[in-house]
Amino acid sequence: MDKKDKIKLALVCGGRSAERDVSLAGAREVRKALDTEKYHVSVYDPADGVEGIVKDSDRIDVAFILLHGRYGEDGTIQGLFDMLDIPYQGSGVLGSAIAMDKHLSKVVYRSEGIPTPDWVTLDSMDGFDHTGIVARLGMPLMVKPCGQGSSVGMSVVEETDALEAAVMEAFRWDSRVIIEAFAAGREITAGVLGNRELQALPIVEIIPGDGYDFFDKEAKYKIGATEEICPADIPDDITSRAQTLGLAAHRALRLRGYSRTDMILTDNGDLTVLETNTIPGMTPTSLFPQAAKAAGLDFSTLLDKLIGLALERQGHTTGHLKYENE
């Protein structure tokens, strides 16, 4: 294919968040998997400024955003591309911003009848009352920065005396902190793919190795630290319920393109939703691509699909990008 006929794709990665390294690692894998016969790829790192994107905007057909955390998943970069009229994969400003805010997303879950652990939100340490928090939520507790991903700044608290230090650590990463009742059980995740017509992907179970209290950043990205099973070895009725919750969370948060909702399957068979990711990890072994592969989409085909959905959403044609299920 002639270069002028290729889709001119901006691969946006790096950024300034605490997840910069994760973004860059994913971008390397995405670039290797993109079909060079279909795409002419240019890489942009917003940590160096966005002037290059603005300057080249009339030469960009579509953007593939692979920024995680602040300025990438929170609607900031999405707003820039909206202003430049450049289509991009994934959710827009509103859905990205709500899903990134752990407090607001849980408020939306509750309003839509989606189960999620009880929580309190702190804006500062003023009047911090660990006794009252424990009386309300019980123990153990999960402490999280309100607007971070990849488990940055998160910790499990099993003793009341350790709560204040955990909260102070979370405040190092954000101006607001969530304290959540710890949901014990098996961690699973439900992927969703599509714009108007949504596809629920096979469920993945995440089993952190010995020494990990939960699926923290090291457990996520250290090779061999976590076992992932896809499709998850759970009964069909629970699979169906988990997929239904993934779809419900996707719709409730006003998401599009794709998402991945993490939840806990408790020992008594209940499901409770933890959070929804709008830009899931994107290497061949990441959770969302694993689920897509189990549904029949290899990594390169998944990337084609996401790019096609971006172009479709903006009223552009997908041209030579064809999918067997269309």
C-alpha atoms as a PDB file:
ATOM      1  CA  MET A   1       0.000   0.000   0.000  1.00  0.00           C
ATOM      2  CA  ASP A   2       1.259   3.444  -0.905  1.00  0.00           C
ATOM      3  CA  LYS A   3       2.254   5.634   2.053  1.00  0.00           C
ATOM      4  CA  LYS A   4      -0.349   8.240   1.133  1.00  0.00           C
ATOM      5  CA  ASP A   5      -3.089   5.598   1.443  1.00  0.00           C
ATOM      6  CA  LYS A   6      -2.068   4.503   4.910  1.00  0.00           C
ATOM      7  CA  ILE A   7      -3.940   5.680   7.979  1.00  0.00           C
ATOM      8  CA  LYS A   8      -1.858   8.359   9.668  1.00  0.00           C
ATOM      9  CA  LEU A   9      -1.923   7.354  13.319  1.00  0.00           C
ATOM     10  CA  ALA A  10      -0.648   9.342  16.291  1.00  0.00           C
ATOM     11  CA  LEU A  11       0.520   7.002  19.065  1.00  0.00           C
ATOM     12  CA  VAL A  12       0.308   9.101  22.216  1.00  0.00           C
ATOM     13  CA  CYS A  13       2.264   7.707  25.148  1.00  0.00           C
ATOM     14  CA  GLY A  14       4.492   8.527  28.100  1.00  0.00           C
ATOM     15  CA  GLY A  15       3.000  11.576  29.745  1.00  0.00           C
ATOM     16  CA  ARG A  16       3.615  12.968  33.200  1.00  0.00           C
ATOM     17  CA  SER A  17       1.670  10.636  35.480  1.00  0.00           C
ATOM     18  CA  ALA A  18       3.030   8.063  37.921  1.00  0.00           C
ATOM     19  CA  GLU A  19       2.265   5.454  35.257  1.00  0.00           C
ATOM     20  CA  ARG A  20       4.607   6.834  32.606  1.00  0.00           C
ATOM     21  CA  ASP A  21       6.736   3.676  32.546  1.00  0.00           C
ATOM     22  CA  VAL A  22       3.669   1.481  32.064  1.00  0.00           C
ATOM     23  CA  SER A  23       2.509   3.682  29.190  1.00  0.00           C
ATOM     24  CA  LEU A  24       5.847   3.542  27.397  1.00  0.00           C
ATOM     25  CA  ALA A  25       6.080  -0.231  27.781  1.00  0.00           C
ATOM     26  CA  GLY A  26       2.608  -0.663  26.322  1.00  0.00           C
ATOM     27  CA  ALA A  27       3.352   1.714  23.458  1.00  0.00           C
ATOM     28  CA  ARG A  28       6.365  -0.327  22.419  1.00  0.00           C
ATOM     29  CA  GLU A  29       4.178  -3.415  22.136  1.00  0.00           C
ATOM     30  CA  VAL A  30       1.407  -1.554  20.300  1.00  0.00           C
ATOM     31  CA  ARG A  31       3.828  -0.135  17.759  1.00  0.00           C
ATOM     32  CA  LYS A  32       5.287  -3.580  17.081  1.00  0.00           C
ATOM     33  CA  ALA A  33       1.801  -5.028  16.572  1.00  0.00           C
ATOM     34  CA  LEU A  34       0.423  -2.311  14.284  1.00  0.00           C
ATOM     35  CA  ASP A  35       0.375  -3.419  10.672  1.00  0.00           C
ATOM     36  CA  THR A  36       2.866  -1.264   8.781  1.00  0.00           C
ATOM     37  CA  GLU A  37       0.912  -1.921   5.588  1.00  0.00           C
ATOM     38  CA  LYS A  38      -2.108  -0.139   7.104  1.00  0.00           C
ATOM     39  CA  TYR A  39      -0.642   2.565   9.326  1.00  0.00           C
ATOM     40  CA  HIS A  40       1.911   5.321   9.189  1.00  0.00           C
ATOM     41  CA  VAL A  41       2.715   5.809  12.888  1.00  0.00           C
ATOM     42  CA  SER A  42       4.029   8.952  14.557  1.00  0.00           C
ATOM     43  CA  VAL A  43       4.784   8.919  18.290  1.00  0.00           C
ATOM     44  CA  TYR A  44       3.973  11.850  20.574  1.00  0.00           C
ATOM     45  CA  ASP A  45       4.865  12.196  24.256  1.00  0.00           C
ATOM     46  CA  PRO A  46       2.847  14.940  26.016  1.00  0.00           C
ATOM     47  CA  ALA A  47       5.603  15.203  28.617  1.00  0.00           C
ATOM     48  CA  ASP A  48       7.466  17.110  25.909  1.00  0.00           C
ATOM     49  CA  GLY A  49       4.441  19.348  25.328  1.00  0.00           C
ATOM     50  CA  VAL A  50       1.459  19.079  23.001  1.00  0.00           C
ATOM     51  CA  GLU A  51       2.691  21.568  20.422  1.00  0.00           C
ATOM     52  CA  GLY A  52       3.706  18.781  18.050  1.00  0.00           C
ATOM     53  CA  ILE A  53       0.228  17.285  18.116  1.00  0.00           C
ATOM     54  CA  VAL A  54      -1.376  20.660  17.453  1.00  0.00           C
ATOM     55  CA  LYS A  55       1.097  21.467  14.683  1.00  0.00           C
ATOM     56  CA  ASP A  56       0.534  18.118  12.961  1.00  0.00           C
ATOM     57  CA  SER A  57      -3.204  17.921  13.587  1.00  0.00           C
ATOM     58  CA  ASP A  58      -4.193  18.327   9.943  1.00  0.00           C
ATOM     59  CA  ARG A  59      -1.964  15.350   9.099  1.00  0.00           C
ATOM     60  CA  ILE A  60      -3.362  12.988  11.757  1.00  0.00           C
ATOM     61  CA  ASP A  61      -6.244  10.681  10.812  1.00  0.00           C
ATOM     62  CA  VAL A  62      -6.676   9.075  14.228  1.00  0.00           C
ATOM     63  CA  ALA A  63      -4.985   9.010  17.632  1.00  0.00           C
ATOM     64  CA  PHE A  64      -4.281   5.967  19.736  1.00  0.00           C
ATOM     65  CA  ILE A  65      -4.085   7.227  23.308  1.00  0.00           C
ATOM     66  CA  LEU A  66      -1.955   5.027  25.539  1.00  0.00           C
ATOM     67  CA  LEU A  67      -1.592   7.369  28.487  1.00  0.00           C
ATOM     68  CA  HIS A  68      -2.483   6.041  31.923  1.00  0.00           C
ATOM     69  CA  GLY A  69      -3.469   8.061  34.973  1.00  0.00           C
ATOM     70  CA  ARG A  70      -3.601  11.831  35.193  1.00  0.00           C
ATOM     71  CA  TYR A  71      -3.704  13.813  31.940  1.00  0.00           C
ATOM     72  CA  GLY A  72      -4.339  10.621  29.993  1.00  0.00           C
ATOM     73  CA  GLU A  73      -7.312   8.753  31.411  1.00  0.00           C
ATOM     74  CA  ASP A  74      -9.013  11.730  33.046  1.00  0.00           C
ATOM     75  CA  GLY A  75     -10.390  13.425  29.934  1.00  0.00           C
ATOM     76  CA  THR A  76      -7.631  16.017  29.590  1.00  0.00           C
ATOM     77  CA  ILE A  77      -5.977  14.757  26.398  1.00  0.00           C
ATOM     78  CA  GLN A  78      -9.372  13.666  25.065  1.00  0.00           C
ATOM     79  CA  GLY A  79     -10.532  17.280  25.249  1.00  0.00           C
ATOM     80  CA  LEU A  80      -7.535  18.394  23.217  1.00  0.00           C
ATOM     81  CA  PHE A  81      -8.278  15.862  20.477  1.00  0.00           C
ATOM     82  CA  ASP A  82     -11.943  16.857  20.467  1.00  0.00           C
ATOM     83  CA  MET A  83     -10.935  20.473  19.906  1.00  0.00           C
ATOM     84  CA  LEU A  84      -8.603  19.417  17.090  1.00  0.00           C
ATOM     85  CA  ASP A  85     -11.319  17.196  15.572  1.00  0.00           C
ATOM     86  CA  ILE A  86      -9.051  14.151  15.707  1.00  0.00           C
ATOM     87  CA  PRO A  87     -10.814  10.850  16.439  1.00  0.00           C
ATOM     88  CA  TYR A  88      -9.323   8.611  19.132  1.00  0.00           C
ATOM     89  CA  GLN A  89     -10.014   5.204  20.580  1.00  0.00           C
ATOM     90  CA  GLY A  90     -11.896   4.908  23.848  1.00  0.00           C
ATOM     91  CA  SER A  91     -14.026   7.164  25.966  1.00  0.00           C
ATOM     92  CA  GLY A  92     -14.573  10.892  25.687  1.00  0.00           C
ATOM     93  CA  VAL A  93     -14.052  13.684  28.192  1.00  0.00           C
ATOM     94  CA  LEU A  94     -17.070  13.020  30.413  1.00  0.00           C
ATOM     95  CA  GLY A  95     -16.751   9.260  30.728  1.00  0.00           C
ATOM     96  CA  SER A  96     -12.987   9.418  31.164  1.00  0.00           C
ATOM     97  CA  ALA A  97     -13.218  12.026  33.918  1.00  0.00           C
ATOM     98  CA  ILE A  98     -15.929  10.229  35.883  1.00  0.00           C
ATOM     99  CA  ALA A  99     -14.302   6.807  35.644  1.00  0.00           C
ATOM    100  CA  MET A 100     -10.942   8.230  36.741  1.00  0.00           C
ATOM    101  CA  ASP A 101     -12.478   9.703  39.896  1.00  0.00           C
ATOM    102  CA  LYS A 102     -12.981   6.742  42.229  1.00  0.00           C
ATOM    103  CA  HIS A 103     -15.495   8.619  44.377  1.00  0.00           C
ATOM    104  CA  LEU A 104     -17.654   9.842  41.502  1.00  0.00           C
ATOM    105  CA  SER A 105     -17.593   6.479  39.745  1.00  0.00           C
ATOM    106  CA  LYS A 106     -18.819   4.785  42.923  1.00  0.00           C
ATOM    107  CA  VAL A 107     -21.580   7.374  43.255  1.00  0.00           C
ATOM    108  CA  VAL A 108     -22.643   6.532  39.695  1.00  0.00           C
ATOM    109  CA  TYR A 109     -22.455   2.793  40.414  1.00  0.00           C
ATOM    110  CA  ARG A 110     -24.736   3.194  43.409  1.00  0.00           C
ATOM    111  CA  SER A 111     -27.190   5.371  41.501  1.00  0.00           C
ATOM    112  CA  GLU A 112     -27.486   2.652  38.842  1.00  0.00           C
ATOM    113  CA  GLY A 113     -27.836  -0.218  41.318  1.00  0.00           C
ATOM    114  CA  ILE A 114     -24.331  -1.569  40.676  1.00  0.00           C
ATOM    115  CA  PRO A 115     -22.915  -3.073  43.887  1.00  0.00           C
ATOM    116  CA  THR A 116     -19.700  -1.511  45.173  1.00  0.00           C
ATOM    117  CA  PRO A 117     -18.011  -1.574  48.609  1.00  0.00           C
ATOM    118  CA  ASP A 118     -18.975   1.100  51.145  1.00  0.00           C
ATOM    119  CA  TRP A 119     -16.540   3.997  51.352  1.00  0.00           C
ATOM    120  CA  VAL A 120     -15.690   7.407  52.738  1.00  0.00           C
ATOM    121  CA  THR A 121     -13.838  10.192  50.925  1.00  0.00           C
ATOM    122  CA  LEU A 122     -11.341  12.547  52.566  1.00  0.00           C
ATOM    123  CA  ASP A 123     -10.325  15.952  51.215  1.00  0.00           C
ATOM    124  CA  SER A 124      -7.686  16.525  53.890  1.00  0.00           C
ATOM    125  CA  MET A 125      -6.385  15.174  57.192  1.00  0.00           C
ATOM    126  CA  ASP A 126      -8.345  17.838  59.095  1.00  0.00           C
ATOM    127  CA  GLY A 127     -10.532  16.141  61.653  1.00  0.00           C
ATOM    128  CA  PHE A 128      -9.275  12.689  60.631  1.00  0.00           C
ATOM    129  CA  ASP A 129     -11.136  10.201  62.805  1.00  0.00           C
ATOM    130  CA  HIS A 130      -9.802   6.700  62.366  1.00  0.00           C
ATOM    131  CA  THR A 131     -12.079   5.340  65.082  1.00  0.00           C
ATOM    132  CA  GLY A 132     -15.212   6.642  63.376  1.00  0.00           C
ATOM    133  CA  ILE A 133     -14.080   5.358  59.979  1.00  0.00           C
ATOM    134  CA  VAL A 134     -13.423   1.877  61.326  1.00  0.00           C
ATOM    135  CA  ALA A 135     -16.757   1.875  63.152  1.00  0.00           C
ATOM    136  CA  ARG A 136     -18.511   2.725  59.884  1.00  0.00           C
ATOM    137  CA  LEU A 137     -16.615   0.501  57.459  1.00  0.00           C
ATOM    138  CA  GLY A 138     -15.108  -2.234  59.620  1.00  0.00           C
ATOM    139  CA  MET A 139     -11.735  -3.845  59.041  1.00  0.00           C
ATOM    140  CA  PRO A 140      -9.719  -4.485  56.946  1.00  0.00           C
ATOM    141  CA  LEU A 141      -9.793  -1.397  54.748  1.00  0.00           C
ATOM    142  CA  MET A 142      -8.491  -0.418  51.324  1.00  0.00           C
ATOM    143  CA  VAL A 143      -6.981   3.067  51.047  1.00  0.00           C
ATOM    144  CA  LYS A 144      -6.665   4.641  47.584  1.00  0.00           C
ATOM    145  CA  PRO A 145      -5.805   7.992  46.020  1.00  0.00           C
ATOM    146  CA  CYS A 146      -9.010   9.168  44.380  1.00  0.00           C
ATOM    147  CA  GLY A 147      -7.591   9.772  40.915  1.00  0.00           C
ATOM    148  CA  GLN A 148      -4.694   7.400  40.316  1.00  0.00           C
ATOM    149  CA  GLY A 149      -4.436   4.102  38.462  1.00  0.00           C
ATOM    150  CA  SER A 150      -2.186   1.019  38.483  1.00  0.00           C
ATOM    151  CA  SER A 151      -2.736   0.745  42.251  1.00  0.00           C
ATOM    152  CA  VAL A 152      -0.389   3.705  42.826  1.00  0.00           C
ATOM    153  CA  GLY A 153      -0.493   4.794  46.479  1.00  0.00           C
ATOM    154  CA  MET A 154      -2.918   2.043  47.461  1.00  0.00           C
ATOM    155  CA  SER A 155      -2.640  -0.111  50.560  1.00  0.00           C
ATOM    156  CA  VAL A 156      -4.574  -2.640  52.604  1.00  0.00           C
ATOM    157  CA  VAL A 157      -4.981  -1.702  56.275  1.00  0.00           C
ATOM    158  CA  GLU A 158      -5.585  -4.514  58.747  1.00  0.00           C
ATOM    159  CA  GLU A 159      -4.998  -2.653  62.014  1.00  0.00           C
ATOM    160  CA  THR A 160      -6.602   0.599  63.140  1.00  0.00           C
ATOM    161  CA  ASP A 161      -3.263   2.083  64.188  1.00  0.00           C
ATOM    162  CA  ALA A 162      -1.955   1.725  60.618  1.00  0.00           C
ATOM    163  CA  LEU A 163      -4.784   3.665  58.986  1.00  0.00           C
ATOM    164  CA  GLU A 164      -3.412   7.174  59.413  1.00  0.00           C
ATOM    165  CA  ALA A 165      -0.068   6.329  57.800  1.00  0.00           C
ATOM    166  CA  ALA A 166      -1.838   4.667  54.856  1.00  0.00           C
ATOM    167  CA  VAL A 167      -4.049   7.715  54.350  1.00  0.00           C
ATOM    168  CA  MET A 168      -1.054  10.064  54.480  1.00  0.00           C
ATOM    169  CA  GLU A 169       0.709   7.923  51.862  1.00  0.00           C
ATOM    170  CA  ALA A 170      -2.342   8.113  49.593  1.00  0.00           C
ATOM    171  CA  PHE A 171      -2.409  11.907  50.004  1.00  0.00           C
ATOM    172  CA  ARG A 172       1.131  11.974  48.573  1.00  0.00           C
ATOM    173  CA  TRP A 173      -0.430  11.010  45.239  1.00  0.00           C
ATOM    174  CA  ASP A 174      -3.695  12.951  45.218  1.00  0.00           C
ATOM    175  CA  SER A 175      -5.601  15.725  46.969  1.00  0.00           C
ATOM    176  CA  ARG A 176      -8.497  13.361  47.741  1.00  0.00           C
ATOM    177  CA  VAL A 177      -8.442   9.882  49.238  1.00  0.00           C
ATOM    178  CA  ILE A 178     -10.910   6.997  49.247  1.00  0.00           C
ATOM    179  CA  ILE A 179     -11.164   4.645  52.224  1.00  0.00           C
ATOM    180  CA  GLU A 180     -13.126   1.580  51.214  1.00  0.00           C
ATOM    181  CA  ALA A 181     -14.382  -1.502  53.004  1.00  0.00           C
ATOM    182  CA  PHE A 182     -12.078  -4.316  51.904  1.00  0.00           C
ATOM    183  CA  ALA A 183     -13.857  -6.829  49.686  1.00  0.00           C
ATOM    184  CA  ALA A 184     -12.395 -10.297  50.234  1.00  0.00           C
ATOM    185  CA  GLY A 185     -12.649 -12.925  47.542  1.00  0.00           C
ATOM    186  CA  ARG A 186     -11.504 -13.714  44.021  1.00  0.00           C
ATOM    187  CA  GLU A 187     -10.599 -10.759  41.804  1.00  0.00           C
ATOM    188  CA  ILE A 188     -12.017 -10.896  38.293  1.00  0.00           C
ATOM    189  CA  THR A 189     -12.291  -8.392  35.491  1.00  0.00           C
ATOM    190  CA  ALA A 190     -14.862  -7.897  32.745  1.00  0.00           C
ATOM    191  CA  GLY A 191     -13.934  -6.329  29.420  1.00  0.00           C
ATOM    192  CA  VAL A 192     -16.361  -4.553  27.103  1.00  0.00           C
ATOM    193  CA  LEU A 193     -15.735  -3.746  23.435  1.00  0.00           C
ATOM    194  CA  GLY A 194     -17.785  -1.616  21.038  1.00  0.00           C
ATOM    195  CA  ASN A 195     -19.568   1.676  20.474  1.00  0.00           C
ATOM    196  CA  ARG A 196     -23.328   1.326  20.085  1.00  0.00           C
ATOM    197  CA  GLU A 197     -23.305  -2.464  19.964  1.00  0.00           C
ATOM    198  CA  LEU A 198     -21.379  -3.746  22.959  1.00  0.00           C
ATOM    199  CA  GLN A 199     -19.598  -7.064  23.252  1.00  0.00           C
ATOM    200  CA  ALA A 200     -18.924  -8.547  26.687  1.00  0.00           C
ATOM    201  CA  LEU A 201     -15.565 -10.311  26.600  1.00  0.00           C
ATOM    202  CA  PRO A 202     -14.624 -13.487  28.493  1.00  0.00           C
ATOM    203  CA  ILE A 203     -13.931 -12.952  32.192  1.00  0.00           C
ATOM    204  CA  VAL A 204     -10.344 -12.976  33.468  1.00  0.00           C
ATOM    205  CA  GLU A 205      -9.447 -14.078  37.003  1.00  0.00           C
ATOM    206  CA  ILE A 206      -6.428 -12.432  38.639  1.00  0.00           C
ATOM    207  CA  ILE A 207      -4.534 -14.397  41.289  1.00  0.00           C
ATOM    208  CA  PRO A 208      -1.699 -12.405  42.912  1.00  0.00           C
ATOM    209  CA  GLY A 209       1.220 -14.555  44.022  1.00  0.00           C
ATOM    210  CA  ASP A 210       2.436 -15.161  47.550  1.00  0.00           C
ATOM    211  CA  GLY A 211       3.456 -11.971  49.310  1.00  0.00           C
ATOM    212  CA  TYR A 212       0.852  -9.749  47.636  1.00  0.00           C
ATOM    213  CA  ASP A 213      -2.186  -8.636  49.628  1.00  0.00           C
ATOM    214  CA  PHE A 214      -3.894  -7.440  46.453  1.00  0.00           C
ATOM    215  CA  PHE A 215      -3.237  -6.771  42.764  1.00  0.00           C
ATOM    216  CA  ASP A 216      -0.821  -3.890  43.406  1.00  0.00           C
ATOM    217  CA  LYS A 217       1.512  -2.226  40.893  1.00  0.00           C
ATOM    218  CA  GLU A 218       4.307  -4.754  41.341  1.00  0.00           C
ATOM    219  CA  ALA A 219       1.888  -7.679  41.091  1.00  0.00           C
ATOM    220  CA  LYS A 220       0.472  -6.133  37.911  1.00  0.00           C
ATOM    221  CA  TYR A 221       3.739  -5.647  36.060  1.00  0.00           C
ATOM    222  CA  LYS A 222       6.386  -7.963  37.542  1.00  0.00           C
ATOM    223  CA  ILE A 223       6.734 -11.018  35.328  1.00  0.00           C
ATOM    224  CA  GLY A 224       5.497 -14.118  37.120  1.00  0.00           C
ATOM    225  CA  ALA A 225       4.079 -12.245  40.108  1.00  0.00           C
ATOM    226  CA  THR A 226       0.465 -12.924  39.158  1.00  0.00           C
ATOM    227  CA  GLU A 227      -1.444 -15.806  37.627  1.00  0.00           C
ATOM    228  CA  GLU A 228      -4.181 -14.824  35.185  1.00  0.00           C
ATOM    229  CA  ILE A 229      -6.804 -17.285  34.019  1.00  0.00           C
ATOM    230  CA  CYS A 230      -8.910 -16.574  30.936  1.00  0.00           C
ATOM    231  CA  PRO A 231     -11.630 -17.581  30.646  1.00  0.00           C
ATOM    232  CA  ALA A 232     -11.985 -17.560  34.437  1.00  0.00           C
ATOM    233  CA  ASP A 233     -12.790 -20.904  36.045  1.00  0.00           C
ATOM    234  CA  ILE A 234     -16.128 -19.818  37.474  1.00  0.00           C
ATOM    235  CA  PRO A 235     -19.697 -21.097  36.967  1.00  0.00           C
ATOM    236  CA  ASP A 236     -21.573 -19.955  33.864  1.00  0.00           C
ATOM    237  CA  ASP A 237     -24.161 -18.039  35.880  1.00  0.00           C
ATOM    238  CA  ILE A 238     -21.451 -16.019  37.641  1.00  0.00           C
ATOM    239  CA  THR A 239     -19.733 -15.359  34.306  1.00  0.00           C
ATOM    240  CA  SER A 240     -23.023 -14.025  32.956  1.00  0.00           C
ATOM    241  CA  ARG A 241     -23.582 -11.819  36.018  1.00  0.00           C
ATOM    242  CA  ALA A 242     -20.032 -10.451  35.867  1.00  0.00           C
ATOM    243  CA  GLN A 243     -20.382  -9.637  32.164  1.00  0.00           C
ATOM    244  CA  THR A 244     -23.716  -7.947  32.860  1.00  0.00           C
ATOM    245  CA  LEU A 245     -22.079  -5.808  35.556  1.00  0.00           C
ATOM    246  CA  GLY A 246     -19.239  -4.904  33.190  1.00  0.00           C
ATOM    247  CA  LEU A 247     -21.745  -3.772  30.579  1.00  0.00           C
ATOM    248  CA  ALA A 248     -23.782  -1.899  33.208  1.00  0.00           C
ATOM    249  CA  ALA A 249     -20.704  -0.046  34.489  1.00  0.00           C
ATOM    250  CA  HIS A 250     -19.638   0.825  30.935  1.00  0.00           C
ATOM    251  CA  ARG A 251     -23.051   2.299  30.152  1.00  0.00           C
ATOM    252  CA  ALA A 252     -23.504   4.026  33.525  1.00  0.00           C
ATOM    253  CA  LEU A 253     -20.171   5.850  33.219  1.00  0.00           C
ATOM    254  CA  ARG A 254     -20.983   6.920  29.625  1.00  0.00           C
ATOM    255  CA  LEU A 255     -18.006   5.060  28.168  1.00  0.00           C
ATOM    256  CA  ARG A 256     -17.342   4.066  24.590  1.00  0.00           C
ATOM    257  CA  GLY A 257     -14.955   1.960  22.562  1.00  0.00           C
ATOM    258  CA  TYR A 258     -13.734  -0.297  25.323  1.00  0.00           C
ATOM    259  CA  SER A 259     -13.405  -0.623  29.077  1.00  0.00           C
ATOM    260  CA  ARG A 260     -12.412  -3.100  31.759  1.00  0.00           C
ATOM    261  CA  THR A 261     -14.281  -3.302  35.060  1.00  0.00           C
ATOM    262  CA  ASP A 262     -12.605  -4.917  38.064  1.00  0.00           C
ATOM    263  CA  MET A 263     -14.735  -6.693  40.640  1.00  0.00           C
ATOM    264  CA  ILE A 264     -14.588  -9.160  43.508  1.00  0.00           C
ATOM    265  CA  LEU A 265     -16.380 -12.496  43.615  1.00  0.00           C
ATOM    266  CA  THR A 266     -16.948 -13.012  47.324  1.00  0.00           C
ATOM    267  CA  ASP A 267     -16.965 -16.385  49.053  1.00  0.00           C
ATOM    268  CA  ASN A 268     -20.775 -16.334  49.219  1.00  0.00           C
ATOM    269  CA  GLY A 269     -21.070 -15.814  45.460  1.00  0.00           C
ATOM    270  CA  ASP A 270     -21.825 -12.084  45.449  1.00  0.00           C
ATOM    271  CA  LEU A 271     -20.146  -9.674  43.027  1.00  0.00           C
ATOM    272  CA  THR A 272     -19.027  -6.173  43.947  1.00  0.00           C
ATOM    273  CA  VAL A 273     -17.482  -3.666  41.548  1.00  0.00           C
ATOM    274  CA  LEU A 274     -14.219  -1.926  42.447  1.00  0.00           C
ATOM    275  CA  GLU A 275     -13.478   0.361  39.495  1.00  0.00           C
ATOM    276  CA  THR A 276     -13.578   0.711  35.721  1.00  0.00           C
ATOM    277  CA  ASN A 277     -10.554   1.331  33.515  1.00  0.00           C
ATOM    278  CA  THR A 278     -11.060   3.380  30.357  1.00  0.00           C
ATOM    279  CA  ILE A 279      -7.557   2.800  28.923  1.00  0.00           C
ATOM    280  CA  PRO A 280      -6.644  -0.732  29.995  1.00  0.00           C
ATOM    281  CA  GLY A 281      -3.079  -1.985  29.772  1.00  0.00           C
ATOM    282  CA  MET A 282      -2.175  -2.715  26.178  1.00  0.00           C
ATOM    283  CA  THR A 283       0.477  -5.373  25.761  1.00  0.00           C
ATOM    284  CA  PRO A 284      -0.272  -8.834  24.354  1.00  0.00           C
ATOM    285  CA  THR A 285      -0.287 -10.244  27.908  1.00  0.00           C
ATOM    286  CA  SER A 286      -2.334  -7.444  29.505  1.00  0.00           C
ATOM    287  CA  LEU A 287      -5.749  -8.369  30.858  1.00  0.00           C
ATOM    288  CA  PHE A 288      -7.917  -6.773  28.168  1.00  0.00           C
ATOM    289  CA  PRO A 289      -5.949  -8.230  25.231  1.00  0.00           C
ATOM    290  CA  GLN A 290      -6.050 -11.632  26.942  1.00  0.00           C
ATOM    291  CA  ALA A 291      -9.837 -11.441  27.107  1.00  0.00           C
ATOM    292  CA  ALA A 292     -10.023 -10.259  23.497  1.00  0.00           C
ATOM    293  CA  LYS A 293      -7.808 -13.140  22.393  1.00  0.00           C
ATOM    294  CA  ALA A 294     -10.131 -15.598  24.148  1.00  0.00           C
ATOM    295  CA  ALA A 295     -12.958 -14.009  22.137  1.00  0.00           C
ATOM    296  CA  GLY A 296     -11.068 -14.601  18.880  1.00  0.00           C
ATOM    297  CA  LEU A 297      -9.247 -11.271  18.443  1.00  0.00           C
ATOM    298  CA  ASP A 298      -5.463 -11.496  18.392  1.00  0.00           C
ATOM    299  CA  PHE A 299      -3.509  -8.423  19.479  1.00  0.00           C
ATOM    300  CA  SER A 300      -3.071  -6.870  16.039  1.00  0.00           C
ATOM    301  CA  THR A 301      -6.710  -7.459  15.162  1.00  0.00           C
ATOM    302  CA  LEU A 302      -7.795  -5.929  18.476  1.00  0.00           C
ATOM    303  CA  LEU A 303      -5.806  -2.791  17.676  1.00  0.00           C
ATOM    304  CA  ASP A 304      -7.428  -2.647  14.242  1.00  0.00           C
ATOM    305  CA  LYS A 305     -10.830  -2.980  15.887  1.00  0.00           C
ATOM    306  CA  LEU A 306     -10.211  -0.176  18.377  1.00  0.00           C
ATOM    307  CA  ILE A 307      -8.934   2.128  15.650  1.00  0.00           C
ATOM    308  CA  GLY A 308     -11.909   1.246  13.478  1.00  0.00           C
ATOM    309  CA  LEU A 309     -14.270   2.053  16.338  1.00  0.00           C
ATOM    310  CA  ALA A 310     -12.563   5.441  16.769  1.00  0.00           C
ATOM    311  CA  LEU A 311     -13.012   6.286  13.097  1.00  0.00           C
ATOM    312  CA  GLU A 312     -16.565   4.923  13.039  1.00  0.00           C
ATOM    313  CA  ARG A 313     -17.568   7.022  16.030  1.00  0.00           C
ATOM    314  CA  GLN A 314     -16.386  10.225  14.409  1.00  0.00           C
ATOM    315  CA  GLY A 315     -18.269   9.532  11.181  1.00  0.00           C
ATOM    316  CA  HIS A 316     -15.134   8.546   9.305  1.00  0.00           C
ATOM    317  CA  THR A 317     -14.989   5.428   7.184  1.00  0.00           C
ATOM    318  CA  THR A 318     -12.813   2.505   8.195  1.00  0.00           C
ATOM    319  CA  GLY A 319     -11.665   2.120   4.597  1.00  0.00           C
ATOM    320  CA  HIS A 320      -9.675  -1.051   4.164  1.00  0.00           C
ATOM    321  CA  LEU A 321     -10.128  -2.118   7.814  1.00  0.00           C
ATOM    322  CA  LYS A 322     -12.565  -5.008   7.695  1.00  0.00           C
ATOM    323  CA  TYR A 323     -13.636  -7.345  10.483  1.00  0.00           C
ATOM    324  CA  GLU A 324     -15.165 -10.747  10.185  1.00  0.00           C
ATOM    325  CA  ASN A 325     -17.956  -9.878  12.617  1.00  0.00           C
ATOM    326  CA  GLU A 326     -19.107  -6.806  10.692  1.00  0.00           C
END
